Amino acid sequence: MALAHLITPEIAEMLRSGDFTGFRALSEEFHAADMAEILESVPNDKLLVAFLALAHDRQSEVFEYLNPESQVRLLNEFRPEVLSRLLHDLSDDSRTELFKELPGPVTRRLLEVLAPDVRKQALALLGYDDHSTGRLMTPEFLHINSDATAADVLTKVRRFADEVETVYVIYVIDVAQRLIGTVSLRDVVISAPDRKVSEFMTQNMVFAKASDDREQALALLREYDLLALPVVDSKGRLVGIVTFDDLSDVAEEEATEDILKMHGVATKLDDYFDAAVLKKYRSRVIWLLALVLVGAASVLIQQEYNPILSQLPLLAAYITLLAASSGNVGTQSAGILIRAVSTPEFDRKRLLRIFSLEVLVGLGLALTMAAAACGLVLARGAELQSLGGHEVHEVAIILGLAMFAAIVTSNTLGAAIPLIMKALRVDPAVAAGPFITTAADIVTVLIYFNIAAAMIA
């Protein structure tokens, strides 16, 4: 917001004095994203005036960068003719994204403003699942028949360049609208004007289905380093494209959603950060109460081993250290495997190697942590009454063995649970954080007290 902060006084003075010509000229010097930031810094009662002062050909572009609250405020204040013009000027994918964020009654009202053919297209895009590739795609792309010449393609590029998402790739279709190839603008330019597209088109295409999850489309775009990805329907007909800028937003949303899940915030992305306090409370308290019930098992287990604690009270002092260490190791391992199964290069062979290496790393960590735990007990010592007639070195051995076994077990569990959840088609992100930590607590307590029982029996 540094730019908006610096220029707001100048903008405010222009709007106050009615210098809309100066404001419009100033706005032409900034990128649409910067201009949206500037508009959001003006008072609410000046937002409509400032937006309408923009050149008509920039309004839709700037509108796409405004936050949803500002968009809704403007939509409610536009005159009918302005509303109609803006909605028709928006790109299809941007319009779909806008409608998705609006309440149902508002979306229905706006759909009525659209021309019949545009409304039909908007409804078709809104008919796809929220997380599907179809919901993100745009039908604004260049296509050509295979018997067209390079000159025909260039003519079409010149004619429709301002109406499509990208001109760098032209899609080749047959008479049934099925995707059969692609040609790059570079190949078209360097080809002889009378050379047919079928002679130099690429036939081994990468494409997504409209019903595919948007993460699959993002993986394809990254793996093949594409600017745009063609989208086909169930019959192979070309229905749209998704571009990298659309899917880069998806990557950020998915990463944020995974982070929320990993920390036990059971909510959709929409939008935890902007939600009311009560909604945030509900999204978190359900997980926390569930974890309390699971964690109660750890308490009950400890109660079962009270006789051992009465024999060697010093053991109680190290329960927290042991549980925290194993929980942290389990969470680390789970995070690594969750990331591994989320990458485009995910395959069974590579995953088995990553899992095996994590187990080996866990053994090394367990030896190090066990040695540290033993050293801590010996260095700290203990009062006689806390030893119950036992020696300090016995406690050191018990804690060291328990630390080693707990770290190995938690590390293995942390690596295995995401793989199991992936196989069961459950989001692995929910395996990390509180879930792993709580499971590690229970396992650690069992290991600790069973080793102690065996040692002091």
Protein backbone atom coordinates (compact mmCIF):
# COMPACT_ATOMS: atom_id res chain seq x y z
CA MET A 1 0.00 0.00 0.00
CA ALA A 2 3.01 2.32 -0.17
CA LEU A 3 2.02 3.67 -3.59
CA ALA A 4 -1.54 4.39 -2.51
CA HIS A 5 -0.30 6.10 0.65
CA LEU A 6 1.98 8.41 -1.32
CA ILE A 7 -0.50 9.45 -3.96
CA THR A 8 -3.77 9.54 -1.97
CA PRO A 9 -3.50 13.26 -1.04
CA GLU A 10 -3.10 14.21 -4.70
CA ILE A 11 -6.00 11.98 -5.74
CA ALA A 12 -8.20 13.33 -2.95
CA GLU A 13 -7.53 16.92 -4.03
CA MET A 14 -8.38 16.11 -7.66
CA LEU A 15 -11.66 14.48 -6.66
CA ARG A 16 -12.54 17.31 -4.27
CA SER A 17 -11.92 19.98 -6.88
CA GLY A 18 -13.62 18.05 -9.68
CA ASP A 19 -10.45 17.71 -11.73
CA PHE A 20 -11.56 14.45 -13.37
CA THR A 21 -9.53 15.11 -16.50
CA GLY A 22 -6.35 15.33 -14.44
CA PHE A 23 -7.34 12.22 -12.48
CA ARG A 24 -7.94 10.27 -15.70
CA ALA A 25 -4.61 11.38 -17.15
CA LEU A 26 -2.83 10.39 -13.94
CA SER A 27 -4.52 6.99 -13.90
CA GLU A 28 -3.17 6.17 -17.37
CA GLU A 29 0.36 6.20 -15.95
CA PHE A 30 -0.28 3.30 -13.55
CA HIS A 31 -0.79 -0.42 -13.99
CA ALA A 32 -4.37 -1.57 -13.40
CA ALA A 33 -3.33 -3.37 -10.18
CA ASP A 34 -1.73 -0.17 -8.83
CA MET A 35 -4.79 1.84 -9.83
CA ALA A 36 -7.05 -0.58 -7.97
CA GLU A 37 -4.88 -0.16 -4.88
CA ILE A 38 -5.17 3.62 -5.19
CA LEU A 39 -8.97 3.48 -5.57
CA GLU A 40 -9.30 1.34 -2.47
CA SER A 41 -7.48 4.01 -0.48
CA VAL A 42 -10.03 6.75 -1.24
CA PRO A 43 -13.05 7.25 1.08
CA ASN A 44 -16.03 5.01 0.36
CA ASP A 45 -18.23 7.94 -0.66
CA LYS A 46 -15.69 8.87 -3.36
CA LEU A 47 -15.10 5.35 -4.72
CA LEU A 48 -17.86 5.46 -7.36
CA VAL A 49 -16.84 8.93 -8.57
CA ALA A 50 -13.19 7.93 -8.81
CA PHE A 51 -13.97 4.69 -10.65
CA LEU A 52 -16.26 6.36 -13.20
CA ALA A 53 -13.57 8.98 -13.82
CA LEU A 54 -11.36 6.26 -15.31
CA ALA A 55 -11.30 5.84 -19.07
CA HIS A 56 -13.99 3.39 -20.20
CA ASP A 57 -11.47 1.02 -21.72
CA ARG A 58 -9.63 0.75 -18.35
CA GLN A 59 -12.59 0.33 -16.02
CA SER A 60 -13.08 -3.41 -16.49
CA GLU A 61 -9.34 -4.04 -16.20
CA VAL A 62 -9.07 -2.09 -12.93
CA PHE A 63 -12.30 -3.64 -11.61
CA GLU A 64 -10.79 -7.13 -11.83
CA TYR A 65 -8.06 -6.13 -9.35
CA LEU A 66 -10.38 -4.59 -6.74
CA ASN A 67 -11.11 -6.57 -3.60
CA PRO A 68 -14.55 -8.27 -3.42
CA GLU A 69 -15.95 -5.69 -0.96
CA SER A 70 -15.16 -2.79 -3.29
CA GLN A 71 -16.54 -4.70 -6.27
CA VAL A 72 -19.86 -5.35 -4.54
CA ARG A 73 -20.10 -1.73 -3.39
CA LEU A 74 -19.64 -0.50 -6.95
CA LEU A 75 -22.04 -3.04 -8.45
CA ASN A 76 -24.76 -1.84 -6.08
CA GLU A 77 -24.17 1.81 -7.05
CA PHE A 78 -23.73 1.57 -10.84
CA ARG A 79 -26.44 2.89 -13.14
CA PRO A 80 -27.94 0.08 -15.30
CA GLU A 81 -26.10 1.13 -18.47
CA VAL A 82 -22.75 1.28 -16.64
CA LEU A 83 -23.38 -2.08 -15.00
CA SER A 84 -24.23 -3.70 -18.33
CA ARG A 85 -21.17 -2.28 -20.07
CA LEU A 86 -18.81 -3.34 -17.30
CA LEU A 87 -20.15 -6.90 -17.07
CA HIS A 88 -19.86 -7.35 -20.82
CA ASP A 89 -16.31 -5.95 -20.84
CA LEU A 90 -15.06 -8.36 -18.17
CA SER A 91 -13.28 -11.47 -19.39
CA ASP A 92 -15.34 -14.66 -19.05
CA ASP A 93 -13.14 -16.17 -16.35
CA SER A 94 -13.08 -12.91 -14.35
CA ARG A 95 -16.85 -12.62 -14.61
CA THR A 96 -17.25 -16.20 -13.41
CA GLU A 97 -14.93 -15.54 -10.46
CA LEU A 98 -16.97 -12.44 -9.58
CA PHE A 99 -20.29 -14.28 -9.72
CA LYS A 100 -18.88 -17.08 -7.57
CA GLU A 101 -18.10 -14.65 -4.77
CA LEU A 102 -21.50 -12.93 -4.81
CA PRO A 103 -24.69 -14.01 -2.99
CA GLY A 104 -27.10 -16.03 -5.15
CA PRO A 105 -29.77 -13.29 -5.53
CA VAL A 106 -27.13 -10.74 -6.60
CA THR A 107 -25.67 -13.14 -9.18
CA ARG A 108 -29.14 -13.81 -10.62
CA ARG A 109 -29.78 -10.06 -10.91
CA LEU A 110 -26.50 -9.51 -12.71
CA LEU A 111 -27.08 -12.45 -15.07
CA GLU A 112 -30.28 -10.77 -16.24
CA VAL A 113 -28.24 -7.75 -17.36
CA LEU A 114 -26.15 -9.85 -19.77
CA ALA A 115 -26.96 -10.42 -23.40
CA PRO A 116 -28.51 -13.88 -24.05
CA ASP A 117 -25.36 -15.39 -25.61
CA VAL A 118 -23.10 -14.01 -22.86
CA ARG A 119 -25.54 -15.18 -20.18
CA LYS A 120 -25.55 -18.67 -21.68
CA GLN A 121 -21.74 -18.78 -21.56
CA ALA A 122 -21.67 -17.47 -17.97
CA LEU A 123 -24.18 -20.09 -16.82
CA ALA A 124 -22.17 -22.82 -18.53
CA LEU A 125 -19.02 -21.83 -16.65
CA LEU A 126 -20.90 -21.50 -13.35
CA GLY A 127 -22.24 -25.02 -13.89
CA TYR A 128 -18.83 -26.56 -13.28
CA ASP A 129 -17.72 -27.63 -9.82
CA ASP A 130 -16.07 -24.89 -7.72
CA HIS A 131 -12.66 -26.61 -7.74
CA SER A 132 -12.79 -27.84 -11.33
CA THR A 133 -10.70 -26.65 -14.25
CA GLY A 134 -13.90 -25.74 -16.08
CA ARG A 135 -14.74 -23.08 -13.52
CA LEU A 136 -11.43 -21.31 -14.21
CA MET A 137 -11.29 -21.56 -17.99
CA THR A 138 -12.10 -18.87 -20.53
CA PRO A 139 -13.71 -19.53 -23.94
CA GLU A 140 -11.76 -16.59 -25.37
CA PHE A 141 -9.09 -18.34 -27.44
CA LEU A 142 -7.95 -18.59 -31.07
CA HIS A 143 -8.79 -21.74 -33.00
CA ILE A 144 -8.36 -22.74 -36.63
CA ASN A 145 -9.06 -25.71 -38.90
CA SER A 146 -6.19 -27.93 -40.00
CA ASP A 147 -6.65 -27.11 -43.68
CA ALA A 148 -6.13 -23.38 -43.03
CA THR A 149 -2.89 -21.77 -44.20
CA ALA A 150 -0.35 -19.77 -42.22
CA ALA A 151 -1.72 -16.63 -43.91
CA ASP A 152 -5.24 -17.53 -42.71
CA VAL A 153 -3.96 -17.86 -39.16
CA LEU A 154 -2.24 -14.47 -39.23
CA THR A 155 -5.40 -12.86 -40.57
CA LYS A 156 -7.39 -14.34 -37.70
CA VAL A 157 -4.77 -13.26 -35.15
CA ARG A 158 -4.96 -9.66 -36.39
CA ARG A 159 -8.74 -9.70 -36.33
CA PHE A 160 -9.30 -11.21 -32.89
CA ALA A 161 -6.13 -10.33 -30.97
CA ASP A 162 -7.96 -7.89 -28.69
CA GLU A 163 -10.74 -10.36 -27.89
CA VAL A 164 -8.79 -13.43 -26.78
CA GLU A 165 -6.74 -14.32 -23.73
CA THR A 166 -3.53 -15.10 -25.64
CA VAL A 167 -2.33 -15.07 -29.27
CA TYR A 168 0.88 -17.02 -28.73
CA VAL A 169 -0.80 -20.41 -29.16
CA ILE A 170 -3.50 -21.20 -31.71
CA TYR A 171 -5.55 -24.37 -31.25
CA VAL A 172 -6.39 -26.64 -34.18
CA ILE A 173 -9.80 -28.32 -34.23
CA ASP A 174 -11.67 -30.63 -36.60
CA VAL A 175 -15.23 -30.25 -37.90
CA ALA A 176 -16.59 -31.75 -34.66
CA GLN A 177 -14.75 -29.11 -32.58
CA ARG A 178 -12.37 -31.75 -31.22
CA LEU A 179 -8.85 -30.62 -30.34
CA ILE A 180 -6.36 -32.18 -32.77
CA GLY A 181 -3.29 -29.97 -32.46
CA THR A 182 -1.68 -26.65 -31.62
CA VAL A 183 0.52 -24.17 -33.47
CA SER A 184 2.64 -21.43 -31.97
CA LEU A 185 2.55 -17.90 -33.32
CA ARG A 186 6.30 -18.19 -33.96
CA ASP A 187 5.80 -21.21 -36.25
CA VAL A 188 3.04 -19.40 -38.09
CA VAL A 189 5.18 -16.31 -38.68
CA ILE A 190 8.18 -18.24 -40.04
CA SER A 191 6.09 -20.55 -42.24
CA ALA A 192 5.36 -19.85 -45.89
CA PRO A 193 2.01 -18.03 -46.24
CA ASP A 194 0.45 -20.86 -48.27
CA ARG A 195 1.69 -23.66 -46.02
CA LYS A 196 -1.15 -25.57 -44.37
CA VAL A 197 -1.44 -25.77 -40.58
CA SER A 198 -1.68 -29.58 -40.73
CA GLU A 199 1.92 -29.65 -41.99
CA PHE A 200 3.51 -27.96 -38.98
CA MET A 201 1.06 -28.30 -36.08
CA THR A 202 1.98 -30.15 -32.88
CA GLN A 203 -0.20 -33.22 -32.39
CA ASN A 204 1.10 -34.53 -29.05
CA MET A 205 -0.77 -32.02 -26.94
CA VAL A 206 -1.09 -31.57 -23.23
CA PHE A 207 -4.64 -30.79 -22.16
CA ALA A 208 -7.00 -30.98 -19.20
CA LYS A 209 -10.62 -32.04 -18.95
CA ALA A 210 -13.14 -29.48 -17.76
CA SER A 211 -14.12 -31.85 -14.95
CA ASP A 212 -10.53 -32.27 -13.70
CA ASP A 213 -9.56 -30.77 -10.36
CA ARG A 214 -7.85 -27.43 -10.83
CA GLU A 215 -4.75 -28.72 -9.02
CA GLN A 216 -4.31 -31.29 -11.81
CA ALA A 217 -4.35 -28.48 -14.39
CA LEU A 218 -1.82 -26.52 -12.33
CA ALA A 219 0.47 -29.57 -12.17
CA LEU A 220 0.32 -29.98 -15.97
CA LEU A 221 1.01 -26.31 -16.56
CA ARG A 222 4.07 -26.46 -14.30
CA GLU A 223 5.36 -29.79 -15.58
CA TYR A 224 5.28 -28.75 -19.23
CA ASP A 225 6.11 -25.07 -18.64
CA LEU A 226 3.05 -23.79 -20.53
CA LEU A 227 1.54 -20.32 -20.72
CA ALA A 228 -1.93 -21.73 -21.35
CA LEU A 229 -3.55 -25.15 -21.16
CA PRO A 230 -6.39 -26.25 -23.48
CA VAL A 231 -9.51 -27.64 -21.81
CA VAL A 232 -11.75 -30.25 -23.43
CA ASP A 233 -15.11 -31.74 -22.52
CA SER A 234 -15.90 -35.45 -22.10
CA LYS A 235 -16.05 -35.87 -25.90
CA GLY A 236 -12.70 -34.22 -26.55
CA ARG A 237 -14.19 -30.99 -27.86
CA LEU A 238 -12.22 -27.84 -27.13
CA VAL A 239 -14.27 -25.68 -24.76
CA GLY A 240 -11.72 -23.25 -23.31
CA ILE A 241 -8.23 -22.57 -21.99
CA VAL A 242 -6.76 -21.82 -18.59
CA THR A 243 -3.78 -19.50 -18.35
CA PHE A 244 -0.88 -19.47 -15.93
CA ASP A 245 -2.00 -16.24 -14.24
CA ASP A 246 -5.36 -17.83 -13.36
CA LEU A 247 -3.73 -20.97 -11.97
CA SER A 248 -1.05 -19.08 -10.05
CA ASP A 249 -3.86 -17.66 -7.92
CA VAL A 250 -5.05 -21.23 -7.40
CA ALA A 251 -1.59 -22.24 -6.16
CA GLU A 252 -1.69 -19.52 -3.52
CA GLU A 253 -5.23 -20.45 -2.46
CA GLU A 254 -4.40 -24.15 -2.18
CA ALA A 255 -1.23 -23.45 -0.20
CA THR A 256 -3.16 -21.23 2.22
CA GLU A 257 -5.89 -23.84 2.55
CA ASP A 258 -3.33 -26.57 3.30
CA ILE A 259 -1.64 -24.41 5.94
CA LEU A 260 -5.00 -23.83 7.65
CA LYS A 261 -5.77 -27.55 7.60
CA MET A 262 -2.33 -28.47 8.89
CA HIS A 263 -2.96 -26.27 11.91
CA GLY A 264 -6.35 -27.76 12.65
CA VAL A 265 -8.48 -24.94 11.22
CA ALA A 266 -11.30 -26.88 9.59
CA THR A 267 -12.58 -24.26 7.18
CA LYS A 268 -12.77 -23.48 3.52
CA LEU A 269 -10.46 -20.80 2.28
CA ASP A 270 -13.40 -18.48 1.83
CA ASP A 271 -12.29 -16.70 3.81
CA TYR A 272 -11.03 -17.46 7.21
CA PHE A 273 -9.04 -14.24 7.42
CA ASP A 274 -12.06 -12.08 6.60
CA ALA A 275 -14.64 -14.12 8.49
CA ALA A 276 -16.53 -12.92 11.55
CA VAL A 277 -15.21 -13.82 14.99
CA LEU A 278 -17.97 -16.39 15.58
CA LYS A 279 -17.19 -18.20 12.31
CA LYS A 280 -13.49 -18.32 13.17
CA TYR A 281 -14.38 -19.65 16.63
CA ARG A 282 -16.58 -22.41 15.18
CA SER A 283 -13.98 -23.45 12.60
CA ARG A 284 -11.34 -23.96 15.29
CA VAL A 285 -13.28 -25.16 18.33
CA ILE A 286 -14.56 -28.33 16.59
CA TRP A 287 -11.02 -29.55 15.95
CA LEU A 288 -9.81 -28.54 19.39
CA LEU A 289 -12.65 -30.33 21.18
CA ALA A 290 -12.03 -33.45 19.10
CA LEU A 291 -8.34 -33.32 20.01
CA VAL A 292 -9.23 -32.88 23.69
CA LEU A 293 -11.22 -36.12 23.55
CA VAL A 294 -8.36 -37.93 21.81
CA GLY A 295 -5.82 -36.38 24.16
CA ALA A 296 -7.84 -37.62 27.10
CA ALA A 297 -6.63 -41.08 26.17
CA SER A 298 -3.10 -39.96 27.05
CA VAL A 299 -4.26 -38.84 30.49
CA LEU A 300 -6.09 -42.12 31.11
CA ILE A 301 -3.00 -44.08 30.09
CA GLN A 302 -0.85 -42.09 32.50
CA GLN A 303 -3.30 -42.84 35.31
CA GLU A 304 -2.91 -46.54 34.62
CA TYR A 305 0.83 -46.16 35.26
CA ASN A 306 0.54 -44.19 38.52
CA PRO A 307 2.06 -47.09 40.50
CA ILE A 308 5.26 -46.71 38.46
CA LEU A 309 5.34 -42.96 39.10
CA SER A 310 4.92 -43.59 42.80
CA GLN A 311 7.99 -45.84 42.69
CA LEU A 312 10.06 -43.38 40.62
CA PRO A 313 8.50 -39.87 40.81
CA LEU A 314 11.29 -38.30 38.70
CA LEU A 315 9.83 -39.94 35.59
CA ALA A 316 6.94 -37.45 35.64
CA ALA A 317 9.33 -34.53 35.14
CA TYR A 318 10.34 -35.74 31.67
CA ILE A 319 6.94 -36.66 30.19
CA THR A 320 6.48 -33.23 28.59
CA LEU A 321 10.00 -33.20 27.12
CA LEU A 322 9.52 -36.65 25.63
CA ALA A 323 6.07 -35.99 24.19
CA ALA A 324 7.05 -32.62 22.71
CA SER A 325 10.15 -34.07 21.07
CA SER A 326 8.34 -36.97 19.43
CA GLY A 327 5.44 -34.73 18.35
CA ASN A 328 7.78 -32.24 16.69
CA VAL A 329 9.63 -34.98 14.82
CA GLY A 330 6.34 -36.53 13.64
CA THR A 331 5.06 -33.16 12.40
CA GLN A 332 8.30 -32.50 10.50
CA SER A 333 8.18 -35.89 8.81
CA ALA A 334 4.50 -35.48 7.94
CA GLY A 335 5.13 -32.05 6.42
CA ILE A 336 7.89 -33.45 4.19
CA LEU A 337 5.73 -36.31 2.92
CA ILE A 338 2.66 -34.09 2.43
CA ARG A 339 4.77 -31.87 0.21
CA ALA A 340 6.15 -34.89 -1.63
CA VAL A 341 2.71 -36.29 -2.51
CA SER A 342 1.59 -32.83 -3.66
CA THR A 343 4.28 -32.37 -6.31
CA PRO A 344 3.73 -33.17 -10.00
CA GLU A 345 6.65 -35.63 -9.91
CA PHE A 346 4.82 -37.82 -7.38
CA ASP A 347 5.10 -41.53 -8.20
CA ARG A 348 5.31 -44.73 -6.17
CA LYS A 349 9.00 -45.40 -6.83
CA ARG A 350 10.13 -41.91 -5.86
CA LEU A 351 7.82 -41.86 -2.86
CA LEU A 352 9.17 -45.20 -1.57
CA ARG A 353 12.68 -43.75 -1.76
CA ILE A 354 11.65 -40.58 0.12
CA PHE A 355 9.90 -42.67 2.79
CA SER A 356 12.94 -44.94 3.21
CA LEU A 357 15.26 -41.95 3.56
CA GLU A 358 12.96 -40.41 6.16
CA VAL A 359 13.11 -43.62 8.19
CA LEU A 360 16.92 -43.53 8.06
CA VAL A 361 16.95 -39.87 9.04
CA GLY A 362 14.60 -40.76 11.91
CA LEU A 363 17.07 -43.31 13.21
CA GLY A 364 19.83 -40.72 13.22
CA LEU A 365 17.61 -38.18 14.95
CA ALA A 366 16.54 -40.78 17.51
CA LEU A 367 20.14 -41.61 18.44
CA THR A 368 21.03 -37.93 18.80
CA MET A 369 17.94 -37.07 20.85
CA ALA A 370 18.39 -40.14 23.06
CA ALA A 371 21.99 -39.17 23.83
CA ALA A 372 20.88 -35.60 24.61
CA ALA A 373 18.13 -36.86 26.92
CA CYS A 374 20.52 -39.12 28.81
CA GLY A 375 23.02 -36.31 29.16
CA LEU A 376 20.33 -33.92 30.43
CA VAL A 377 19.23 -36.34 33.19
CA LEU A 378 22.78 -37.01 34.31
CA ALA A 379 23.76 -33.34 34.24
CA ARG A 380 20.64 -32.23 36.10
CA GLY A 381 20.73 -34.91 38.77
CA ALA A 382 17.85 -35.35 41.20
CA GLU A 383 16.82 -35.16 44.84
CA LEU A 384 16.73 -38.47 46.68
CA GLN A 385 13.00 -38.36 47.35
CA SER A 386 12.26 -38.10 43.62
CA LEU A 387 14.29 -41.22 42.89
CA GLY A 388 12.32 -43.54 45.20
CA GLY A 389 15.42 -45.53 46.03
CA HIS A 390 16.61 -45.81 42.43
CA GLU A 391 19.72 -44.36 40.81
CA VAL A 392 19.86 -41.33 38.48
CA HIS A 393 21.52 -43.40 35.77
CA GLU A 394 18.45 -45.67 35.70
CA VAL A 395 16.26 -42.69 34.86
CA ALA A 396 18.77 -41.63 32.21
CA ILE A 397 18.65 -45.07 30.60
CA ILE A 398 14.84 -45.20 30.72
CA LEU A 399 14.50 -41.74 29.18
CA GLY A 400 17.16 -42.45 26.54
CA LEU A 401 15.55 -45.70 25.44
CA ALA A 402 12.09 -44.13 25.45
CA MET A 403 13.33 -41.14 23.48
CA PHE A 404 14.92 -43.37 20.85
CA ALA A 405 11.84 -45.59 20.47
CA ALA A 406 9.40 -42.65 20.51
CA ILE A 407 11.34 -40.65 17.90
CA VAL A 408 11.64 -43.62 15.54
CA THR A 409 7.95 -44.46 15.95
CA SER A 410 6.68 -40.88 15.56
CA ASN A 411 8.94 -40.22 12.58
CA THR A 412 7.70 -43.36 10.85
CA LEU A 413 4.07 -42.55 11.66
CA GLY A 414 4.50 -38.99 10.45
CA ALA A 415 5.84 -40.26 7.12
CA ALA A 416 3.36 -43.12 6.73
CA ILE A 417 0.06 -41.42 7.63
CA PRO A 418 0.10 -38.93 4.69
CA LEU A 419 0.78 -41.84 2.31
CA ILE A 420 -2.11 -43.83 3.75
CA MET A 421 -4.44 -40.84 3.56
CA LYS A 422 -3.37 -40.18 -0.02
CA ALA A 423 -4.14 -43.80 -0.90
CA LEU A 424 -7.57 -43.42 0.73
CA ARG A 425 -8.09 -40.18 -1.26
CA VAL A 426 -8.26 -38.08 1.87
CA ASP A 427 -6.47 -34.71 1.91
CA PRO A 428 -3.06 -35.47 3.51
CA ALA A 429 -2.87 -31.92 4.92
CA VAL A 430 -5.22 -32.89 7.75
CA ALA A 431 -2.66 -35.51 8.87
CA ALA A 432 -0.16 -32.94 10.06
CA GLY A 433 -0.13 -30.57 12.99
CA PRO A 434 -2.51 -31.41 15.83
CA PHE A 435 -3.43 -34.87 14.54
CA ILE A 436 0.13 -36.15 14.37
CA THR A 437 1.10 -34.42 17.62
CA THR A 438 -1.81 -35.96 19.55
CA ALA A 439 -1.17 -39.43 18.12
CA ALA A 440 2.51 -39.09 19.01
CA ASP A 441 1.62 -38.15 22.60
CA ILE A 442 -0.36 -41.34 23.11
CA VAL A 443 2.28 -43.58 21.54
CA THR A 444 5.07 -41.87 23.47
CA VAL A 445 3.36 -42.29 26.84
CA LEU A 446 2.83 -45.99 26.17
CA ILE A 447 6.46 -46.47 25.15
CA TYR A 448 7.81 -44.47 28.10
CA PHE A 449 5.92 -46.26 30.82
CA ASN A 450 6.30 -49.73 29.39
CA ILE A 451 10.09 -49.27 29.23
CA ALA A 452 10.04 -47.91 32.78
CA ALA A 453 7.93 -50.83 33.98
CA ALA A 454 10.38 -53.30 32.44
CA MET A 455 13.41 -51.51 33.90
CA ILE A 456 12.26 -51.12 37.50
CA ALA A 457 10.22 -54.28 37.87
